[in-house]
Structure formats: C-alpha cells, structure tokens
C-alpha cells in the first residue's frame, strides 16, 4: 500500500522518546524537501 506519493516509514518504537523524535524529524525533513522542490528555494 506504500506509494511514491504516500510512502510508509518504519519507525522503531522500543523507546517512546526516540520514536517521537524520529517521527518529528521525518515529518520536518519531508516538508522541507517538498517545499524546496515545489518552490525551488
């Protein structure tokens, strides 16, 4: 069910703190890359 438009990201969740940080980093990186591609900043 993973697509190029909506890929699945596997996040290790043995440590709740680590998992939350990893999710936030992934979202921030994805948003940054998408905005750079879209607006060529």
Protein backbone atom coordinates (compact mmCIF):
# COMPACT_ATOMS: atom_id res chain seq x y z
CA UNK A 1 0.00 0.00 0.00
CA UNK A 2 3.05 2.27 0.04
CA UNK A 3 3.23 4.61 -2.95
CA UNK A 4 5.65 7.29 -4.10
CA UNK A 5 3.02 9.85 -3.12
CA UNK A 6 2.48 8.35 0.34
CA UNK A 7 5.42 6.14 1.33
CA UNK A 8 5.47 4.12 4.51
CA UNK A 9 8.17 4.99 7.03
CA UNK A 10 9.26 2.34 9.54
CA UNK A 11 9.94 3.82 12.97
CA UNK A 12 11.48 1.70 15.70
CA UNK A 13 9.31 2.12 18.78
CA UNK A 14 11.19 0.34 21.55
CA UNK A 15 11.82 3.73 23.15
CA UNK A 16 8.85 6.13 23.13
CA UNK A 17 11.05 9.25 23.29
CA UNK A 18 13.23 8.08 20.39
CA UNK A 19 10.17 7.14 18.32
CA UNK A 20 8.57 10.56 18.78
CA UNK A 21 11.79 12.38 17.84
CA UNK A 22 12.23 10.15 14.77
CA UNK A 23 8.67 10.87 13.59
CA UNK A 24 9.11 14.63 14.07
CA UNK A 25 12.44 14.58 12.19
CA UNK A 26 10.91 12.57 9.34
CA UNK A 27 7.95 14.93 9.00
CA UNK A 28 10.17 18.03 9.15
CA UNK A 29 12.61 16.63 6.56
CA UNK A 30 9.79 15.60 4.23
CA UNK A 31 8.12 19.01 4.46
CA UNK A 32 11.42 20.78 3.88
CA UNK A 33 12.27 18.67 0.83
CA UNK A 34 8.79 19.04 -0.64
CA UNK A 35 8.77 22.82 -0.21
CA UNK A 36 12.25 23.14 -1.71
CA UNK A 37 11.22 21.09 -4.75
CA UNK A 38 7.98 22.99 -5.18
CA UNK A 39 9.36 26.50 -4.76
CA UNK A 40 12.99 25.84 -5.74
CA UNK A 41 14.38 27.78 -2.81
